[in-house]
């Protein structure tokens, strides 16, 4: 693999089993999915069959213990899942959300019965996961979620709606943030809901976005949706906000990892382009301005990668805190948008054409500063630590 930047990978990166896993992941993306990228963008989602194939290849729940049907790996494997998706140039596959966001909630907070019930099916692709936080009137303000769950005999009735839900048009296992009464941070609970043939559950449209054309993003509606008692994640109500805050550092690290991988890809393509394209009788890379631009971009991407990998090392040791994860998410995604814009400029008019990947990357990257908590929220989190 030709790297876009010079960076000494951590020792684990060169371990034989890690390399074997990386090769297998890349081959699955490149051989099975990349040829269908245009189809994914046209349909606004990845076809459901690829989730089942990913399960057969061992890509689903790769960091979940084997006793629950997973691969028995750790966050290193999740990083490879995200990095190789960029390298193989596959758009829209919400695998990291399924693996590294939804599954950990069930693993860390579910009862033994809940883990045995849902995690093995997530590992095969029988169940595809999504997490339902954002609502039309709340966005990043999770304490003001209006979707509610009320006790009903031996179960619950959920009413409300969610929007901007990644995997929302495909997922049949939802983690839903809902108000269950109580005060302040103890008013929210998480519910894990299987949606197949579930009365009261309704999918809205697949959303028409500025970027991320192939990513399945939808509105979801719950109208007197009856769910069993064991849909409540864990043993008691009122734990949802604490569960969310505990898991958000990994989600924000995921975004930083994805941002670095995207920047590396953009820089690699840009270097290839300016070496080949000519203007005024010489290659674009031979102009001093181009060289200075690329020197700055390479420095930015290198610094982002060093910081992100340091955060990943901390996370593997169980030492990544919310503030540091928030710094990584905000800093890397701000730089990502800058890098994409400057790379696109070096493509000139062709950069604005969708047939060139840099244009799609430029559009895709913009949402990185919004989801997972806006970068303004990240700065508030950081400021509170001062």
Protein backbone atom coordinates (compact mmCIF):
# COMPACT_ATOMS: atom_id res chain seq x y z
CA UNK A 1 0.00 0.00 0.00
CA UNK A 2 1.34 3.43 -0.93
CA UNK A 3 0.91 5.78 2.01
CA UNK A 4 0.01 9.41 1.44
CA UNK A 5 2.05 10.46 4.45
CA UNK A 6 5.11 9.27 6.33
CA UNK A 7 4.09 7.91 9.71
CA UNK A 8 5.50 5.21 11.94
CA UNK A 9 2.60 2.93 12.66
CA UNK A 10 2.32 1.43 16.16
CA UNK A 11 3.93 -1.98 16.61
CA UNK A 12 0.59 -3.78 16.59
CA UNK A 13 -0.08 -2.53 13.07
CA UNK A 14 2.48 -4.92 11.65
CA UNK A 15 1.36 -8.04 13.53
CA UNK A 16 0.66 -10.96 11.23
CA UNK A 17 -2.95 -11.52 12.29
CA UNK A 18 -3.67 -7.79 11.93
CA UNK A 19 -2.23 -7.77 8.41
CA UNK A 20 -4.25 -10.85 7.49
CA UNK A 21 -7.40 -9.18 8.76
CA UNK A 22 -6.58 -5.95 6.90
CA UNK A 23 -6.03 -7.83 3.65
CA UNK A 24 -9.29 -9.75 4.03
CA UNK A 25 -11.25 -6.57 4.77
CA UNK A 26 -9.76 -4.73 1.81
CA UNK A 27 -10.41 -7.60 -0.59
CA UNK A 28 -14.05 -7.81 0.49
CA UNK A 29 -14.56 -4.09 -0.05
CA UNK A 30 -12.60 -3.93 -3.31
CA UNK A 31 -13.89 -7.11 -4.92
CA UNK A 32 -17.46 -7.35 -3.64
CA UNK A 33 -18.57 -3.78 -3.00
CA UNK A 34 -16.49 -1.24 -4.95
CA UNK A 35 -17.90 -2.35 -8.34
CA UNK A 36 -21.37 -1.36 -7.07
CA UNK A 37 -20.45 2.10 -5.73
CA UNK A 38 -22.36 4.01 -8.38
CA UNK A 39 -25.43 1.83 -7.75
CA UNK A 40 -25.19 2.59 -4.02
CA UNK A 41 -25.09 6.33 -4.69
CA UNK A 42 -28.05 6.13 -7.05
CA UNK A 43 -30.17 4.11 -4.59
CA UNK A 44 -29.04 6.17 -1.56
CA UNK A 45 -28.10 3.01 0.30
CA UNK A 46 -26.01 -0.15 0.24
CA UNK A 47 -27.98 -3.21 -0.79
CA UNK A 48 -29.03 -5.39 2.15
CA UNK A 49 -27.25 -8.47 0.75
CA UNK A 50 -23.85 -6.92 1.45
CA UNK A 51 -24.58 -6.91 5.16
CA UNK A 52 -25.10 -10.66 5.05
CA UNK A 53 -21.93 -11.09 3.01
CA UNK A 54 -19.99 -8.98 5.49
CA UNK A 55 -21.24 -11.31 8.21
CA UNK A 56 -20.03 -14.34 6.25
CA UNK A 57 -16.60 -12.70 5.87
CA UNK A 58 -16.38 -12.06 9.64
CA UNK A 59 -16.50 -8.26 9.36
CA UNK A 60 -19.56 -7.77 11.58
CA UNK A 61 -19.05 -7.41 15.35
CA UNK A 62 -15.36 -8.19 14.88
CA UNK A 63 -14.52 -6.67 18.30
CA UNK A 64 -17.32 -8.47 20.17
CA UNK A 65 -16.33 -11.54 22.26
CA UNK A 66 -16.63 -14.90 20.54
CA UNK A 67 -19.09 -16.11 23.17
CA UNK A 68 -21.60 -13.68 21.65
CA UNK A 69 -20.85 -14.64 18.07
CA UNK A 70 -18.28 -11.92 17.47
CA UNK A 71 -14.74 -12.03 16.19
CA UNK A 72 -13.05 -11.65 19.58
CA UNK A 73 -10.98 -8.67 18.43
CA UNK A 74 -10.65 -5.15 19.77
CA UNK A 75 -10.63 -1.54 18.62
CA UNK A 76 -7.66 -2.16 16.31
CA UNK A 77 -9.93 -4.26 14.12
CA UNK A 78 -12.57 -1.55 14.08
CA UNK A 79 -9.94 0.96 12.93
CA UNK A 80 -9.03 -1.32 10.05
CA UNK A 81 -12.71 -1.68 9.11
CA UNK A 82 -12.93 2.13 8.83
CA UNK A 83 -9.56 2.74 7.18
CA UNK A 84 -9.90 0.08 4.50
CA UNK A 85 -13.37 1.30 3.56
CA UNK A 86 -11.72 4.57 2.50
CA UNK A 87 -8.79 2.89 0.80
CA UNK A 88 -11.09 0.64 -1.23
CA UNK A 89 -13.14 3.70 -2.19
CA UNK A 90 -16.50 2.34 -1.08
CA UNK A 91 -19.12 4.92 -0.11
CA UNK A 92 -22.00 4.61 2.27
CA UNK A 93 -21.53 1.33 4.13
CA UNK A 94 -22.57 2.04 7.74
CA UNK A 95 -20.56 -0.85 9.13
CA UNK A 96 -18.63 1.14 11.73
CA UNK A 97 -21.88 2.37 13.28
CA UNK A 98 -23.22 -1.19 13.49
CA UNK A 99 -19.94 -2.56 14.89
CA UNK A 100 -18.38 0.20 16.94
CA UNK A 101 -21.41 2.13 18.19
CA UNK A 102 -24.54 -0.05 18.37
CA UNK A 103 -23.02 -3.38 19.42
CA UNK A 104 -20.93 -1.91 22.30
CA UNK A 105 -24.08 -0.51 23.96
CA UNK A 106 -25.55 -3.99 24.11
CA UNK A 107 -22.25 -5.55 25.21
CA UNK A 108 -21.58 -3.03 27.97
CA UNK A 109 -25.07 -2.42 29.34
CA UNK A 110 -27.26 -5.32 28.26
CA UNK A 111 -28.26 -8.18 30.49
CA UNK A 112 -26.81 -11.59 29.70
CA UNK A 113 -30.09 -12.54 28.04
CA UNK A 114 -30.01 -9.40 25.88
CA UNK A 115 -26.43 -10.05 24.77
CA UNK A 116 -27.27 -13.62 23.82
CA UNK A 117 -30.43 -12.51 22.04
CA UNK A 118 -29.05 -9.73 19.82
CA UNK A 119 -25.28 -9.84 19.41
CA UNK A 120 -25.03 -13.19 17.54
CA UNK A 121 -27.65 -12.03 15.04
CA UNK A 122 -25.75 -8.78 14.53
CA UNK A 123 -22.61 -10.81 13.81
CA UNK A 124 -24.29 -12.71 10.96
CA UNK A 125 -26.08 -9.72 9.45
CA UNK A 126 -29.52 -11.04 10.33
CA UNK A 127 -29.87 -7.86 12.37
CA UNK A 128 -28.47 -4.52 11.17
CA UNK A 129 -28.05 -1.89 13.85
CA UNK A 130 -28.79 1.82 14.10
CA UNK A 131 -28.93 4.27 16.99
CA UNK A 132 -31.76 6.79 17.20
CA UNK A 133 -30.73 9.95 19.02
CA UNK A 134 -31.46 13.02 16.89
CA UNK A 135 -34.95 14.44 16.57
CA UNK A 136 -36.34 17.24 14.39
CA UNK A 137 -36.20 19.70 17.29
CA UNK A 138 -33.22 18.51 19.32
CA UNK A 139 -30.11 17.68 17.27
CA UNK A 140 -27.17 17.49 19.67
CA UNK A 141 -29.34 18.41 22.70
CA UNK A 142 -30.00 14.90 24.00
CA UNK A 143 -31.46 16.07 27.30
CA UNK A 144 -34.44 17.53 25.43
CA UNK A 145 -35.40 14.36 23.55
CA UNK A 146 -39.20 14.24 23.18
CA UNK A 147 -39.66 10.61 22.12
CA UNK A 148 -41.17 8.90 25.17
CA UNK A 149 -41.69 5.40 26.49
CA UNK A 150 -44.46 4.59 28.94
CA UNK A 151 -45.08 1.37 30.84
CA UNK A 152 -47.91 -0.72 29.45
CA UNK A 153 -48.61 -3.93 31.31
CA UNK A 154 -45.57 -6.15 30.84
CA UNK A 155 -44.04 -3.90 28.21
CA UNK A 156 -43.66 -0.37 26.88
CA UNK A 157 -45.36 1.93 24.40
CA UNK A 158 -43.04 4.26 22.52
CA UNK A 159 -44.16 7.41 20.71
CA UNK A 160 -42.08 9.95 18.83
CA UNK A 161 -39.86 10.39 15.82
CA UNK A 162 -36.17 10.47 14.94
CA UNK A 163 -34.27 11.96 12.04
CA UNK A 164 -30.80 11.81 10.43
CA UNK A 165 -30.62 8.11 11.35
CA UNK A 166 -27.68 6.36 9.69
CA UNK A 167 -28.68 2.87 8.48
CA UNK A 168 -32.26 4.01 9.11
CA UNK A 169 -33.69 2.64 5.88
CA UNK A 170 -32.13 -0.79 6.38
CA UNK A 171 -31.66 -1.38 10.11
CA UNK A 172 -33.98 -3.79 11.89
CA UNK A 173 -32.39 -3.41 15.33
CA UNK A 174 -32.68 0.09 16.78
CA UNK A 175 -31.32 1.61 19.96
CA UNK A 176 -33.82 4.35 20.75
CA UNK A 177 -33.22 7.22 23.17
CA UNK A 178 -36.53 7.89 24.93
CA UNK A 179 -37.84 9.85 27.89
CA UNK A 180 -39.13 7.60 30.68
CA UNK A 181 -39.80 10.29 33.27
CA UNK A 182 -37.61 11.25 36.17
CA UNK A 183 -35.47 14.31 36.70
CA UNK A 184 -32.62 15.72 34.64
CA UNK A 185 -30.02 13.19 33.58
CA UNK A 186 -32.14 10.36 34.98
CA UNK A 187 -35.08 11.02 32.66
CA UNK A 188 -33.74 9.14 29.63
CA UNK A 189 -33.51 5.43 28.90
CA UNK A 190 -32.30 3.35 25.97
CA UNK A 191 -34.49 0.75 24.28
CA UNK A 192 -33.30 -1.97 21.90
CA UNK A 193 -36.05 -2.74 19.43
CA UNK A 194 -36.35 -5.34 16.68
CA UNK A 195 -38.48 -3.72 14.00
CA UNK A 196 -39.39 -6.59 11.65
CA UNK A 197 -43.20 -6.75 11.46
CA UNK A 198 -43.45 -4.42 14.48
CA UNK A 199 -46.79 -2.64 14.69
CA UNK A 200 -46.46 1.11 15.16
CA UNK A 201 -43.04 1.35 13.54
CA UNK A 202 -42.78 3.32 10.32
CA UNK A 203 -39.86 4.38 8.13
CA UNK A 204 -39.93 7.76 6.48
CA UNK A 205 -38.06 8.81 3.38
CA UNK A 206 -34.40 8.29 2.69
CA UNK A 207 -33.05 11.80 3.16
CA UNK A 208 -31.64 13.79 0.24
CA UNK A 209 -28.32 15.00 1.60
CA UNK A 210 -25.62 17.42 0.44
CA UNK A 211 -23.10 14.57 0.54
CA UNK A 212 -22.84 10.94 1.63
CA UNK A 213 -25.04 10.00 -1.32
CA UNK A 214 -24.70 6.24 -0.77
CA UNK A 215 -25.24 6.32 2.97
CA UNK A 216 -28.63 5.14 4.12
CA UNK A 217 -30.01 8.03 6.22
CA UNK A 218 -33.70 8.11 7.14
CA UNK A 219 -36.52 9.45 9.26
CA UNK A 220 -38.17 6.98 11.66
CA UNK A 221 -41.56 7.18 13.36
CA UNK A 222 -42.97 5.41 16.42
CA UNK A 223 -46.77 5.54 16.76
CA UNK A 224 -47.98 3.69 19.87
CA UNK A 225 -45.22 1.19 19.17
CA UNK A 226 -45.50 -1.69 21.62
CA UNK A 227 -42.26 -3.35 22.70
CA UNK A 228 -41.61 -6.06 25.31
CA UNK A 229 -40.22 -5.42 28.77
CA UNK A 230 -36.77 -6.68 27.79
CA UNK A 231 -36.46 -3.92 25.18
CA UNK A 232 -35.19 -1.67 27.98
CA UNK A 233 -31.39 -1.79 27.82
CA UNK A 234 -30.09 -2.95 31.18
CA UNK A 235 -31.94 -3.52 34.42
CA UNK A 236 -33.48 -0.13 35.20
CA UNK A 237 -34.80 3.09 33.67
CA UNK A 238 -33.04 6.45 33.88
CA UNK A 239 -29.61 5.18 32.87
CA UNK A 240 -29.71 6.29 29.23
CA UNK A 241 -27.88 9.60 29.54
CA UNK A 242 -25.04 8.03 31.52
CA UNK A 243 -24.80 5.19 28.99
CA UNK A 244 -24.66 7.68 26.12
CA UNK A 245 -22.00 9.84 27.72
CA UNK A 246 -19.86 6.80 28.49
CA UNK A 247 -19.97 5.51 24.91
CA UNK A 248 -19.66 8.81 23.05
CA UNK A 249 -15.83 9.00 23.33
CA UNK A 250 -15.49 5.94 21.08
CA UNK A 251 -18.02 7.36 18.62
CA UNK A 252 -16.03 10.58 18.44
CA UNK A 253 -12.76 8.70 18.02
CA UNK A 254 -14.41 6.75 15.18
CA UNK A 255 -15.13 10.03 13.43
CA UNK A 256 -11.51 11.15 13.82
CA UNK A 257 -10.22 7.82 12.47
CA UNK A 258 -12.53 8.13 9.47
CA UNK A 259 -11.43 11.73 8.97
CA UNK A 260 -7.74 10.83 8.86
CA UNK A 261 -8.38 7.98 6.42
CA UNK A 262 -10.39 10.30 4.18
CA UNK A 263 -7.67 12.96 4.24
CA UNK A 264 -5.00 10.41 3.34
CA UNK A 265 -7.07 9.24 0.39
CA UNK A 266 -7.70 12.80 -0.80
CA UNK A 267 -4.03 13.72 -0.53
CA UNK A 268 -2.97 10.58 -2.36
CA UNK A 269 -5.36 11.26 -5.25
CA UNK A 270 -4.33 14.91 -5.39
CA UNK A 271 -0.62 14.09 -5.59
CA UNK A 272 -1.31 11.63 -8.39
CA UNK A 273 -3.38 14.24 -10.24
CA UNK A 274 -0.92 17.14 -10.05
CA UNK A 275 1.91 14.87 -11.19
CA UNK A 276 -0.07 13.94 -14.29
CA UNK A 277 -1.95 17.17 -15.14
CA UNK A 278 -0.17 19.93 -17.07
CA UNK A 279 -0.79 23.67 -17.32
CA UNK A 280 1.24 26.37 -19.04
CA UNK A 281 3.56 23.75 -20.43
CA UNK A 282 4.56 21.99 -17.22
CA UNK A 283 3.16 19.65 -14.59
CA UNK A 284 1.06 21.28 -11.90
CA UNK A 285 3.30 19.76 -9.23
CA UNK A 286 6.28 21.67 -10.69
CA UNK A 287 4.76 25.00 -9.66
CA UNK A 288 6.11 26.23 -6.34
CA UNK A 289 2.63 27.12 -5.09
CA UNK A 290 1.53 23.51 -5.60
CA UNK A 291 4.56 22.22 -3.75
CA UNK A 292 3.93 24.59 -0.83
CA UNK A 293 0.25 23.63 -0.71
CA UNK A 294 1.06 19.92 -0.66
CA UNK A 295 3.78 20.45 1.96
CA UNK A 296 1.25 22.13 4.25
CA UNK A 297 -1.41 19.49 3.59
CA UNK A 298 0.98 16.64 4.27
CA UNK A 299 1.93 18.29 7.57
CA UNK A 300 -1.71 18.75 8.57
CA UNK A 301 -2.61 15.14 7.79
CA UNK A 302 0.47 13.83 9.60
CA UNK A 303 -0.29 15.82 12.76
CA UNK A 304 -3.92 14.67 12.69
CA UNK A 305 -2.87 11.04 12.28
CA UNK A 306 -0.33 11.18 15.11
CA UNK A 307 -2.91 12.69 17.46
CA UNK A 308 -5.67 10.28 16.42
CA UNK A 309 -3.46 7.21 16.77
CA UNK A 310 -2.33 8.41 20.19
CA UNK A 311 -6.01 8.64 21.17
CA UNK A 312 -6.54 5.13 19.81
CA UNK A 313 -3.64 3.81 21.90
CA UNK A 314 -5.18 5.43 24.97
CA UNK A 315 -8.55 3.91 24.10
CA UNK A 316 -7.03 0.44 23.77
CA UNK A 317 -5.65 0.88 27.31
CA UNK A 318 -9.01 2.15 28.59
CA UNK A 319 -7.60 5.64 29.17
CA UNK A 320 -9.36 7.81 26.56
CA UNK A 321 -11.43 10.47 28.31
CA UNK A 322 -14.34 12.50 26.97
CA UNK A 323 -12.38 15.74 26.67
CA UNK A 324 -9.53 14.24 24.65
CA UNK A 325 -11.96 12.39 22.37
CA UNK A 326 -13.84 15.66 21.85
CA UNK A 327 -10.59 17.42 20.93
CA UNK A 328 -9.80 14.71 18.38
CA UNK A 329 -13.26 14.85 16.83
CA UNK A 330 -13.34 18.64 16.55
CA UNK A 331 -9.75 19.21 15.49
CA UNK A 332 -9.51 16.42 12.94
CA UNK A 333 -12.84 17.15 11.26
CA UNK A 334 -12.12 20.88 11.01
CA UNK A 335 -8.79 20.05 9.39
CA UNK A 336 -10.46 17.43 7.18
CA UNK A 337 -12.76 20.02 5.64
CA UNK A 338 -9.80 22.33 5.11
CA UNK A 339 -7.75 19.60 3.44
CA UNK A 340 -10.62 18.58 1.16
CA UNK A 341 -11.17 22.17 0.06
CA UNK A 342 -7.51 22.78 -0.69
CA UNK A 343 -7.15 19.47 -2.51
CA UNK A 344 -10.19 20.25 -4.62
CA UNK A 345 -8.66 23.62 -5.55
CA UNK A 346 -5.61 21.86 -6.98
CA UNK A 347 -7.92 19.90 -9.30
CA UNK A 348 -9.26 23.14 -10.72
CA UNK A 349 -12.58 22.87 -12.56
CA UNK A 350 -12.38 19.09 -12.58
CA UNK A 351 -12.51 19.10 -8.81
CA UNK A 352 -16.08 20.36 -9.00
CA UNK A 353 -17.17 17.45 -11.17
CA UNK A 354 -18.82 14.50 -9.44
CA UNK A 355 -16.98 12.10 -11.74
CA UNK A 356 -13.84 12.97 -9.77
CA UNK A 357 -13.67 11.48 -6.32
CA UNK A 358 -12.30 14.64 -4.72
CA UNK A 359 -15.61 16.44 -5.36
CA UNK A 360 -17.57 13.71 -3.62
CA UNK A 361 -15.08 13.65 -0.75
CA UNK A 362 -15.38 17.40 -0.38
CA UNK A 363 -19.16 17.06 0.01
CA UNK A 364 -19.00 13.95 2.18
CA UNK A 365 -16.60 15.47 4.69
CA UNK A 366 -18.76 18.42 5.62
CA UNK A 367 -21.08 16.40 7.87
CA UNK A 368 -18.13 15.20 9.97
CA UNK A 369 -18.22 18.52 11.82
CA UNK A 370 -21.91 18.02 12.62
CA UNK A 371 -22.71 14.44 13.61
CA UNK A 372 -21.44 12.77 16.76
CA UNK A 373 -22.12 16.11 18.44
CA UNK A 374 -21.37 19.34 16.57
CA UNK A 375 -17.89 20.77 16.84
CA UNK A 376 -19.36 23.64 18.83
CA UNK A 377 -20.56 21.10 21.40
CA UNK A 378 -17.05 19.58 21.39
CA UNK A 379 -15.60 22.99 22.29
CA UNK A 380 -18.09 23.34 25.15
CA UNK A 381 -17.01 19.94 26.50
CA UNK A 382 -13.36 20.95 26.27
CA UNK A 383 -14.00 24.39 27.82
CA UNK A 384 -15.68 22.83 30.87
CA UNK A 385 -12.43 21.05 31.66
CA UNK A 386 -10.39 24.26 31.87
